[in-house]
Amino acid sequence: MQRALDDSLSRSFSTLTTLDFTNAFNTAERVDIAASLRNYCPSLYRTAKWAYNAASDLVLGQHILQSATGVRQGDPLGPLLLSLAIRPLLDRLSTFLGTDHLVLAYLDDVYVLSPTQDLASASEFASTLEMIYFRTSTPYSFSGSVFNKTSAIFRGLSRITP
């Protein structure tokens, strides 16, 4: 992020939009995780398939629930798997927005550096990105989560960089 902010001085970015997926770790579709592993990290595919191929039991008192979506809590590979599942969306957003925007992410937090404030509000921007995302047809999609519009924020870079 620091490199992107430093680069923003030479690329004339003036706005940083922050977006957050709603409940991303629990709702990422395992099919999406598998597809991204095959594309971006095939050496881990067999290990993840072994760990996530079947639903896991969640014990709640006397009740047992089946967990078939998301990454497992406490799994050291969980953040990596989530990041890989989100990557196709980030690639599509980056392509749609063009070279005058920069799309970055850390886990389920997405940052878009823009030359101007694209819309009236960050919430409207999040809605627009969701429409782009859901209209895009690809072999797989990060379909479990959508952006949390109440936490979407526009920030002027002059308030962030010295």
N, C-alpha and C. Protein backbone atom coordinates (compact mmCIF):
# COMPACT_ATOMS: atom_id res chain seq x y z
N MET A 1 0.82 -1.18 0.00
CA MET A 1 0.00 0.00 0.00
C MET A 1 0.87 1.26 0.00
N GLN A 2 1.95 1.22 0.78
CA GLN A 2 2.83 2.38 0.82
C GLN A 2 3.43 2.65 -0.56
N ARG A 3 3.82 1.57 -1.26
CA ARG A 3 4.38 1.75 -2.60
C ARG A 3 3.35 2.38 -3.53
N ALA A 4 2.10 1.94 -3.41
CA ALA A 4 1.05 2.52 -4.25
C ALA A 4 0.81 3.98 -3.91
N LEU A 5 0.83 4.31 -2.62
CA LEU A 5 0.66 5.71 -2.23
C LEU A 5 1.83 6.55 -2.72
N ASP A 6 3.05 6.02 -2.61
CA ASP A 6 4.21 6.73 -3.13
C ASP A 6 4.09 6.92 -4.64
N ASP A 7 3.63 5.87 -5.33
CA ASP A 7 3.44 5.92 -6.77
C ASP A 7 2.32 6.90 -7.14
N SER A 8 1.38 7.10 -6.24
CA SER A 8 0.25 7.98 -6.54
C SER A 8 0.71 9.41 -6.81
N LEU A 9 1.83 9.80 -6.23
CA LEU A 9 2.33 11.14 -6.45
C LEU A 9 2.73 11.34 -7.90
N SER A 10 3.25 10.28 -8.55
CA SER A 10 3.66 10.41 -9.94
C SER A 10 2.54 10.06 -10.92
N ARG A 11 1.53 9.34 -10.46
CA ARG A 11 0.43 8.95 -11.36
C ARG A 11 -0.81 9.80 -11.18
N SER A 12 -0.76 10.78 -10.35
CA SER A 12 -1.86 11.73 -10.17
C SER A 12 -3.12 11.10 -9.60
N PHE A 13 -2.98 10.19 -8.67
CA PHE A 13 -4.15 9.70 -7.96
C PHE A 13 -4.54 10.74 -6.92
N SER A 14 -5.82 11.02 -6.82
CA SER A 14 -6.26 12.00 -5.84
C SER A 14 -7.26 11.42 -4.84
N THR A 15 -7.79 10.24 -5.12
CA THR A 15 -8.82 9.67 -4.26
C THR A 15 -8.51 8.22 -3.94
N LEU A 16 -8.67 7.85 -2.69
CA LEU A 16 -8.57 6.47 -2.24
C LEU A 16 -9.94 6.04 -1.77
N THR A 17 -10.47 4.99 -2.39
CA THR A 17 -11.75 4.43 -1.96
C THR A 17 -11.47 3.13 -1.24
N THR A 18 -12.00 2.98 -0.04
CA THR A 18 -11.83 1.74 0.71
C THR A 18 -13.15 0.98 0.69
N LEU A 19 -13.05 -0.31 0.41
CA LEU A 19 -14.21 -1.19 0.36
C LEU A 19 -13.92 -2.43 1.19
N ASP A 20 -14.96 -3.03 1.70
CA ASP A 20 -14.79 -4.20 2.54
C ASP A 20 -15.85 -5.23 2.15
N PHE A 21 -15.44 -6.48 2.00
CA PHE A 21 -16.41 -7.54 1.76
C PHE A 21 -17.19 -7.83 3.04
N THR A 22 -18.44 -8.18 2.90
CA THR A 22 -19.26 -8.56 4.04
C THR A 22 -19.01 -10.03 4.35
N ASN A 23 -18.51 -10.32 5.55
CA ASN A 23 -18.36 -11.69 6.04
C ASN A 23 -17.59 -12.59 5.07
N ALA A 24 -16.54 -12.07 4.49
CA ALA A 24 -15.82 -12.77 3.41
C ALA A 24 -15.26 -14.12 3.84
N PHE A 25 -14.65 -14.19 5.00
CA PHE A 25 -14.00 -15.44 5.41
C PHE A 25 -15.01 -16.58 5.56
N ASN A 26 -16.24 -16.26 5.93
CA ASN A 26 -17.25 -17.31 6.15
C ASN A 26 -18.09 -17.61 4.93
N THR A 27 -18.08 -16.75 3.93
CA THR A 27 -18.98 -16.94 2.80
C THR A 27 -18.31 -17.16 1.46
N ALA A 28 -16.99 -17.16 1.43
CA ALA A 28 -16.30 -17.45 0.16
C ALA A 28 -16.68 -18.86 -0.28
N GLU A 29 -17.10 -18.98 -1.50
CA GLU A 29 -17.50 -20.30 -2.02
C GLU A 29 -16.26 -21.15 -2.22
N ARG A 30 -16.32 -22.36 -1.75
CA ARG A 30 -15.15 -23.25 -1.87
C ARG A 30 -14.86 -23.62 -3.32
N VAL A 31 -15.86 -23.58 -4.16
CA VAL A 31 -15.64 -23.80 -5.61
C VAL A 31 -14.75 -22.70 -6.16
N ASP A 32 -15.00 -21.46 -5.70
CA ASP A 32 -14.19 -20.33 -6.15
C ASP A 32 -12.75 -20.46 -5.66
N ILE A 33 -12.60 -20.90 -4.42
CA ILE A 33 -11.27 -21.11 -3.87
C ILE A 33 -10.52 -22.15 -4.70
N ALA A 34 -11.19 -23.25 -5.02
CA ALA A 34 -10.56 -24.32 -5.80
C ALA A 34 -10.16 -23.83 -7.19
N ALA A 35 -11.06 -23.07 -7.83
CA ALA A 35 -10.76 -22.57 -9.17
C ALA A 35 -9.55 -21.63 -9.15
N SER A 36 -9.49 -20.78 -8.14
CA SER A 36 -8.36 -19.86 -8.04
C SER A 36 -7.06 -20.59 -7.72
N LEU A 37 -7.15 -21.61 -6.88
CA LEU A 37 -5.95 -22.41 -6.60
C LEU A 37 -5.42 -23.07 -7.86
N ARG A 38 -6.31 -23.62 -8.67
CA ARG A 38 -5.88 -24.25 -9.92
C ARG A 38 -5.19 -23.24 -10.83
N ASN A 39 -5.70 -22.00 -10.86
CA ASN A 39 -5.14 -20.99 -11.76
C ASN A 39 -3.88 -20.33 -11.23
N TYR A 40 -3.87 -19.98 -9.95
CA TYR A 40 -2.81 -19.14 -9.42
C TYR A 40 -1.80 -19.86 -8.53
N CYS A 41 -2.17 -21.00 -7.99
CA CYS A 41 -1.27 -21.68 -7.05
C CYS A 41 -1.51 -23.20 -7.11
N PRO A 42 -1.28 -23.80 -8.28
CA PRO A 42 -1.64 -25.21 -8.45
C PRO A 42 -0.89 -26.15 -7.51
N SER A 43 0.26 -25.73 -7.00
CA SER A 43 1.00 -26.63 -6.11
C SER A 43 0.27 -26.86 -4.78
N LEU A 44 -0.64 -25.98 -4.41
CA LEU A 44 -1.41 -26.16 -3.17
C LEU A 44 -2.79 -26.78 -3.40
N TYR A 45 -3.15 -26.99 -4.66
CA TYR A 45 -4.51 -27.46 -4.97
C TYR A 45 -4.84 -28.77 -4.27
N ARG A 46 -3.97 -29.77 -4.37
CA ARG A 46 -4.27 -31.08 -3.77
C ARG A 46 -4.40 -30.99 -2.25
N THR A 47 -3.54 -30.20 -1.62
CA THR A 47 -3.61 -30.04 -0.16
C THR A 47 -4.93 -29.41 0.25
N ALA A 48 -5.31 -28.33 -0.45
CA ALA A 48 -6.57 -27.65 -0.12
C ALA A 48 -7.77 -28.54 -0.43
N LYS A 49 -7.70 -29.30 -1.52
CA LYS A 49 -8.80 -30.20 -1.84
C LYS A 49 -8.96 -31.24 -0.73
N TRP A 50 -7.86 -31.76 -0.23
CA TRP A 50 -7.92 -32.72 0.86
C TRP A 50 -8.56 -32.09 2.10
N ALA A 51 -8.21 -30.85 2.41
CA ALA A 51 -8.70 -30.19 3.62
C ALA A 51 -10.12 -29.68 3.49
N TYR A 52 -10.54 -29.30 2.28
CA TYR A 52 -11.83 -28.61 2.11
C TYR A 52 -12.83 -29.35 1.23
N ASN A 53 -12.51 -30.55 0.79
CA ASN A 53 -13.39 -31.24 -0.15
C ASN A 53 -14.74 -31.60 0.47
N ALA A 54 -14.77 -31.85 1.75
CA ALA A 54 -16.02 -32.22 2.42
C ALA A 54 -16.36 -31.18 3.47
N ALA A 55 -17.64 -31.07 3.78
CA ALA A 55 -18.08 -30.15 4.83
C ALA A 55 -17.48 -30.58 6.16
N SER A 56 -17.21 -29.61 7.00
CA SER A 56 -16.67 -29.92 8.33
C SER A 56 -17.75 -29.72 9.38
N ASP A 57 -17.62 -30.45 10.47
CA ASP A 57 -18.59 -30.37 11.56
C ASP A 57 -18.26 -29.20 12.48
N LEU A 58 -19.28 -28.42 12.79
CA LEU A 58 -19.17 -27.38 13.79
C LEU A 58 -20.06 -27.79 14.95
N VAL A 59 -19.47 -27.95 16.12
CA VAL A 59 -20.23 -28.42 17.28
C VAL A 59 -20.65 -27.22 18.11
N LEU A 60 -21.96 -27.13 18.33
CA LEU A 60 -22.53 -26.04 19.12
C LEU A 60 -23.41 -26.68 20.19
N GLY A 61 -22.83 -26.92 21.35
CA GLY A 61 -23.56 -27.62 22.42
C GLY A 61 -23.88 -29.03 21.98
N GLN A 62 -25.16 -29.35 21.95
CA GLN A 62 -25.62 -30.67 21.51
C GLN A 62 -25.83 -30.74 19.99
N HIS A 63 -25.70 -29.61 19.33
CA HIS A 63 -26.00 -29.54 17.90
C HIS A 63 -24.72 -29.61 17.07
N ILE A 64 -24.82 -30.26 15.93
CA ILE A 64 -23.71 -30.32 14.98
C ILE A 64 -24.18 -29.68 13.68
N LEU A 65 -23.45 -28.65 13.24
CA LEU A 65 -23.75 -27.96 11.99
C LEU A 65 -22.70 -28.33 10.96
N GLN A 66 -23.09 -28.40 9.72
CA GLN A 66 -22.16 -28.68 8.63
C GLN A 66 -21.70 -27.36 8.01
N SER A 67 -20.40 -27.16 7.94
CA SER A 67 -19.82 -25.97 7.33
C SER A 67 -19.28 -26.34 5.96
N ALA A 68 -19.88 -25.76 4.91
CA ALA A 68 -19.47 -26.09 3.55
C ALA A 68 -19.03 -24.87 2.76
N THR A 69 -18.98 -23.71 3.40
CA THR A 69 -18.51 -22.50 2.72
C THR A 69 -17.45 -21.83 3.58
N GLY A 70 -16.69 -20.97 2.97
CA GLY A 70 -15.68 -20.22 3.68
C GLY A 70 -14.45 -21.02 4.01
N VAL A 71 -13.50 -20.33 4.61
CA VAL A 71 -12.29 -20.99 5.07
C VAL A 71 -12.47 -21.33 6.53
N ARG A 72 -11.76 -22.34 6.97
CA ARG A 72 -11.89 -22.78 8.36
C ARG A 72 -11.18 -21.82 9.30
N GLN A 73 -11.85 -21.49 10.39
CA GLN A 73 -11.24 -20.63 11.40
C GLN A 73 -10.01 -21.32 11.97
N GLY A 74 -8.93 -20.58 12.04
CA GLY A 74 -7.69 -21.13 12.56
C GLY A 74 -6.81 -21.81 11.51
N ASP A 75 -7.32 -21.97 10.29
CA ASP A 75 -6.51 -22.58 9.24
C ASP A 75 -5.41 -21.60 8.83
N PRO A 76 -4.15 -21.97 8.97
CA PRO A 76 -3.08 -21.04 8.59
C PRO A 76 -3.09 -20.70 7.11
N LEU A 77 -3.70 -21.53 6.28
CA LEU A 77 -3.81 -21.22 4.85
C LEU A 77 -5.04 -20.38 4.54
N GLY A 78 -5.93 -20.18 5.51
CA GLY A 78 -7.18 -19.46 5.29
C GLY A 78 -7.02 -18.10 4.63
N PRO A 79 -6.16 -17.22 5.14
CA PRO A 79 -6.00 -15.92 4.49
C PRO A 79 -5.52 -16.01 3.05
N LEU A 80 -4.59 -16.93 2.78
CA LEU A 80 -4.12 -17.12 1.41
C LEU A 80 -5.25 -17.61 0.51
N LEU A 81 -6.02 -18.58 1.00
CA LEU A 81 -7.12 -19.12 0.20
C LEU A 81 -8.16 -18.05 -0.10
N LEU A 82 -8.49 -17.22 0.89
CA LEU A 82 -9.44 -16.13 0.67
C LEU A 82 -8.88 -15.14 -0.35
N SER A 83 -7.61 -14.79 -0.21
CA SER A 83 -7.00 -13.85 -1.15
C SER A 83 -7.04 -14.38 -2.58
N LEU A 84 -6.78 -15.66 -2.74
CA LEU A 84 -6.84 -16.26 -4.08
C LEU A 84 -8.26 -16.26 -4.62
N ALA A 85 -9.25 -16.48 -3.75
CA ALA A 85 -10.64 -16.49 -4.21
C ALA A 85 -11.07 -15.10 -4.67
N ILE A 86 -10.54 -14.06 -4.06
CA ILE A 86 -10.91 -12.69 -4.41
C ILE A 86 -10.16 -12.18 -5.64
N ARG A 87 -9.03 -12.76 -5.94
CA ARG A 87 -8.19 -12.25 -7.02
C ARG A 87 -8.90 -12.10 -8.38
N PRO A 88 -9.71 -13.06 -8.83
CA PRO A 88 -10.38 -12.85 -10.12
C PRO A 88 -11.27 -11.60 -10.14
N LEU A 89 -11.95 -11.32 -9.03
CA LEU A 89 -12.76 -10.10 -8.95
C LEU A 89 -11.87 -8.87 -9.07
N LEU A 90 -10.76 -8.87 -8.37
CA LEU A 90 -9.86 -7.72 -8.43
C LEU A 90 -9.32 -7.52 -9.84
N ASP A 91 -9.00 -8.61 -10.51
CA ASP A 91 -8.53 -8.52 -11.90
C ASP A 91 -9.62 -7.92 -12.80
N ARG A 92 -10.87 -8.36 -12.62
CA ARG A 92 -11.97 -7.83 -13.44
C ARG A 92 -12.21 -6.36 -13.14
N LEU A 93 -12.18 -5.98 -11.87
CA LEU A 93 -12.38 -4.57 -11.51
C LEU A 93 -11.27 -3.71 -12.10
N SER A 94 -10.05 -4.19 -12.01
CA SER A 94 -8.92 -3.44 -12.54
C SER A 94 -9.05 -3.25 -14.06
N THR A 95 -9.45 -4.30 -14.75
CA THR A 95 -9.65 -4.21 -16.20
C THR A 95 -10.77 -3.23 -16.53
N PHE A 96 -11.88 -3.31 -15.80
CA PHE A 96 -13.01 -2.43 -16.07
C PHE A 96 -12.66 -0.97 -15.80
N LEU A 97 -11.99 -0.70 -14.69
CA LEU A 97 -11.69 0.68 -14.31
C LEU A 97 -10.60 1.29 -15.17
N GLY A 98 -9.71 0.47 -15.73
CA GLY A 98 -8.69 0.97 -16.63
C GLY A 98 -7.40 1.35 -15.93
N THR A 99 -6.45 1.78 -16.74
CA THR A 99 -5.10 2.02 -16.23
C THR A 99 -4.99 3.29 -15.40
N ASP A 100 -6.00 4.15 -15.43
CA ASP A 100 -5.93 5.34 -14.60
C ASP A 100 -6.38 5.08 -13.16
N HIS A 101 -6.79 3.84 -12.86
CA HIS A 101 -7.13 3.42 -11.50
C HIS A 101 -6.17 2.31 -11.09
N LEU A 102 -6.00 2.16 -9.79
CA LEU A 102 -5.18 1.08 -9.25
C LEU A 102 -6.01 0.36 -8.19
N VAL A 103 -6.22 -0.95 -8.40
CA VAL A 103 -6.99 -1.77 -7.46
C VAL A 103 -6.02 -2.59 -6.64
N LEU A 104 -6.09 -2.46 -5.32
CA LEU A 104 -5.24 -3.19 -4.38
C LEU A 104 -6.13 -3.87 -3.34
N ALA A 105 -5.61 -4.89 -2.71
CA ALA A 105 -6.38 -5.54 -1.64
C ALA A 105 -5.45 -6.15 -0.62
N TYR A 106 -5.93 -6.19 0.60
CA TYR A 106 -5.32 -6.96 1.66
C TYR A 106 -6.44 -7.78 2.27
N LEU A 107 -6.40 -9.09 2.01
CA LEU A 107 -7.46 -10.00 2.43
C LEU A 107 -8.80 -9.49 1.91
N ASP A 108 -9.76 -9.15 2.79
CA ASP A 108 -11.07 -8.75 2.30
C ASP A 108 -11.24 -7.23 2.23
N ASP A 109 -10.17 -6.48 2.43
CA ASP A 109 -10.21 -5.03 2.30
C ASP A 109 -9.68 -4.64 0.92
N VAL A 110 -10.48 -3.89 0.17
CA VAL A 110 -10.13 -3.51 -1.20
C VAL A 110 -9.92 -2.00 -1.23
N TYR A 111 -8.89 -1.59 -1.94
CA TYR A 111 -8.55 -0.18 -2.07
C TYR A 111 -8.48 0.17 -3.55
N VAL A 112 -9.13 1.26 -3.93
CA VAL A 112 -9.10 1.72 -5.32
C VAL A 112 -8.54 3.14 -5.33
N LEU A 113 -7.39 3.30 -5.96
CA LEU A 113 -6.80 4.62 -6.14
C LEU A 113 -7.30 5.18 -7.47
N SER A 114 -7.83 6.40 -7.44
CA SER A 114 -8.45 7.00 -8.62
C SER A 114 -7.92 8.41 -8.84
N PRO A 115 -7.94 8.86 -10.11
CA PRO A 115 -7.52 10.24 -10.37
C PRO A 115 -8.57 11.25 -9.91
N THR A 116 -9.82 10.83 -9.83
CA THR A 116 -10.91 11.70 -9.38
C THR A 116 -11.88 10.88 -8.55
N GLN A 117 -12.74 11.56 -7.83
CA GLN A 117 -13.80 10.86 -7.10
C GLN A 117 -14.84 10.49 -8.15
N ASP A 118 -14.98 9.20 -8.44
CA ASP A 118 -15.77 8.75 -9.58
C ASP A 118 -17.26 8.98 -9.45
N LEU A 119 -17.79 8.85 -8.25
CA LEU A 119 -19.22 8.99 -8.04
C LEU A 119 -19.45 9.86 -6.82
N ALA A 120 -20.71 10.12 -6.53
CA ALA A 120 -21.05 11.02 -5.43
C ALA A 120 -20.67 10.47 -4.06
N SER A 121 -20.72 9.16 -3.90
CA SER A 121 -20.41 8.59 -2.60
C SER A 121 -19.68 7.27 -2.75
N ALA A 122 -18.99 6.88 -1.71
CA ALA A 122 -18.30 5.60 -1.72
C ALA A 122 -19.29 4.45 -1.77
N SER A 123 -20.44 4.61 -1.12
CA SER A 123 -21.48 3.59 -1.16
C SER A 123 -21.97 3.37 -2.59
N GLU A 124 -22.15 4.45 -3.32
CA GLU A 124 -22.57 4.36 -4.72
C GLU A 124 -21.48 3.68 -5.55
N PHE A 125 -20.22 3.98 -5.25
CA PHE A 125 -19.10 3.36 -5.94
C PHE A 125 -19.11 1.85 -5.68
N ALA A 126 -19.33 1.44 -4.42
CA ALA A 126 -19.39 0.02 -4.08
C ALA A 126 -20.53 -0.65 -4.84
N SER A 127 -21.68 0.00 -4.94
CA SER A 127 -22.82 -0.57 -5.68
C SER A 127 -22.48 -0.73 -7.15
N THR A 128 -21.80 0.26 -7.72
CA THR A 128 -21.40 0.19 -9.13
C THR A 128 -20.44 -0.97 -9.36
N LEU A 129 -19.47 -1.13 -8.46
CA LEU A 129 -18.52 -2.23 -8.60
C LEU A 129 -19.23 -3.58 -8.47
N GLU A 130 -20.21 -3.68 -7.60
CA GLU A 130 -20.97 -4.93 -7.48
C GLU A 130 -21.72 -5.23 -8.77
N MET A 131 -22.32 -4.19 -9.39
CA MET A 131 -23.03 -4.41 -10.65
C MET A 131 -22.06 -4.90 -11.72
N ILE A 132 -20.87 -4.32 -11.77
CA ILE A 132 -19.84 -4.78 -12.72
C ILE A 132 -19.53 -6.24 -12.46
N TYR A 133 -19.33 -6.54 -11.20
CA TYR A 133 -18.95 -7.89 -10.80
C TYR A 133 -20.02 -8.91 -11.16
N PHE A 134 -21.27 -8.64 -10.81
CA PHE A 134 -22.31 -9.62 -11.02
C PHE A 134 -22.71 -9.75 -12.49
N ARG A 135 -22.43 -8.73 -13.32
CA ARG A 135 -22.72 -8.83 -14.75
C ARG A 135 -21.63 -9.53 -15.51
N THR A 136 -20.48 -9.70 -14.90
CA THR A 136 -19.35 -10.33 -15.58
C THR A 136 -19.51 -11.83 -15.54
N SER A 137 -19.40 -12.46 -16.69
CA SER A 137 -19.48 -13.93 -16.69
C SER A 137 -18.08 -14.48 -16.84
N THR A 138 -17.70 -15.31 -15.92
CA THR A 138 -16.41 -15.98 -15.94
C THR A 138 -16.64 -17.42 -15.53
N PRO A 139 -15.65 -18.28 -15.70
CA PRO A 139 -15.84 -19.67 -15.30
C PRO A 139 -16.11 -19.81 -13.81
N TYR A 140 -15.73 -18.84 -13.01
CA TYR A 140 -15.97 -18.88 -11.58
C TYR A 140 -16.15 -17.46 -11.09
N SER A 141 -16.69 -17.32 -9.92
CA SER A 141 -16.90 -15.99 -9.37
C SER A 141 -16.83 -16.05 -7.86
N PHE A 142 -16.39 -14.97 -7.26
CA PHE A 142 -16.40 -14.90 -5.80
C PHE A 142 -17.81 -14.50 -5.43
N SER A 143 -18.69 -15.50 -5.29
CA SER A 143 -20.11 -15.23 -5.20
C SER A 143 -20.65 -15.16 -3.79
N GLY A 144 -19.84 -15.49 -2.81
CA GLY A 144 -20.38 -15.55 -1.46
C GLY A 144 -20.55 -14.20 -0.79
N SER A 145 -19.74 -13.22 -1.12
CA SER A 145 -19.76 -11.96 -0.40
C SER A 145 -20.02 -10.80 -1.33
N VAL A 146 -20.55 -9.76 -0.76
CA VAL A 146 -20.69 -8.49 -1.46
C VAL A 146 -20.06 -7.42 -0.59
N PHE A 147 -19.87 -6.24 -1.15
CA PHE A 147 -19.24 -5.17 -0.41
C PHE A 147 -20.16 -4.65 0.69
N ASN A 148 -19.58 -4.31 1.81
CA ASN A 148 -20.30 -3.68 2.91
C ASN A 148 -20.36 -2.19 2.59
N LYS A 149 -21.50 -1.73 2.10
CA LYS A 149 -21.61 -0.35 1.63
C LYS A 149 -21.53 0.67 2.76
N THR A 150 -21.88 0.27 3.97
CA THR A 150 -21.83 1.22 5.08
C THR A 150 -20.40 1.52 5.51
N SER A 151 -19.46 0.65 5.16
CA SER A 151 -18.07 0.91 5.53
C SER A 151 -17.25 1.45 4.37
N ALA A 152 -17.87 1.64 3.20
CA ALA A 152 -17.15 2.19 2.04
C ALA A 152 -16.87 3.67 2.28
N ILE A 153 -15.64 4.08 1.99
CA ILE A 153 -15.23 5.46 2.28
C ILE A 153 -14.39 6.01 1.13
N PHE A 154 -14.66 7.26 0.74
CA PHE A 154 -13.78 8.02 -0.15
C PHE A 154 -12.84 8.83 0.73
N ARG A 155 -11.56 8.87 0.36
CA ARG A 155 -10.61 9.72 1.07
C ARG A 155 -9.76 10.46 0.04
N GLY A 156 -9.58 11.73 0.24
CA GLY A 156 -8.66 12.48 -0.60
C GLY A 156 -7.24 12.14 -0.20
N LEU A 157 -6.37 11.87 -1.15
CA LEU A 157 -5.01 11.48 -0.83
C LEU A 157 -4.23 12.60 -0.16
N SER A 158 -4.63 13.82 -0.34
CA SER A 158 -3.91 14.91 0.33
C SER A 158 -4.04 14.79 1.84
N ARG A 159 -5.07 14.10 2.32
CA ARG A 159 -5.24 13.90 3.76
C ARG A 159 -4.45 12.70 4.25
N ILE A 160 -3.90 11.89 3.33
CA ILE A 160 -3.17 10.69 3.72
C ILE A 160 -1.67 10.87 3.55
N THR A 161 -1.27 11.41 2.41
CA THR A 161 0.16 11.56 2.13
C THR A 161 0.64 12.92 2.65
N PRO A 162 1.92 13.00 3.02
CA PRO A 162 2.45 14.28 3.55
C PRO A 162 2.55 15.34 2.47
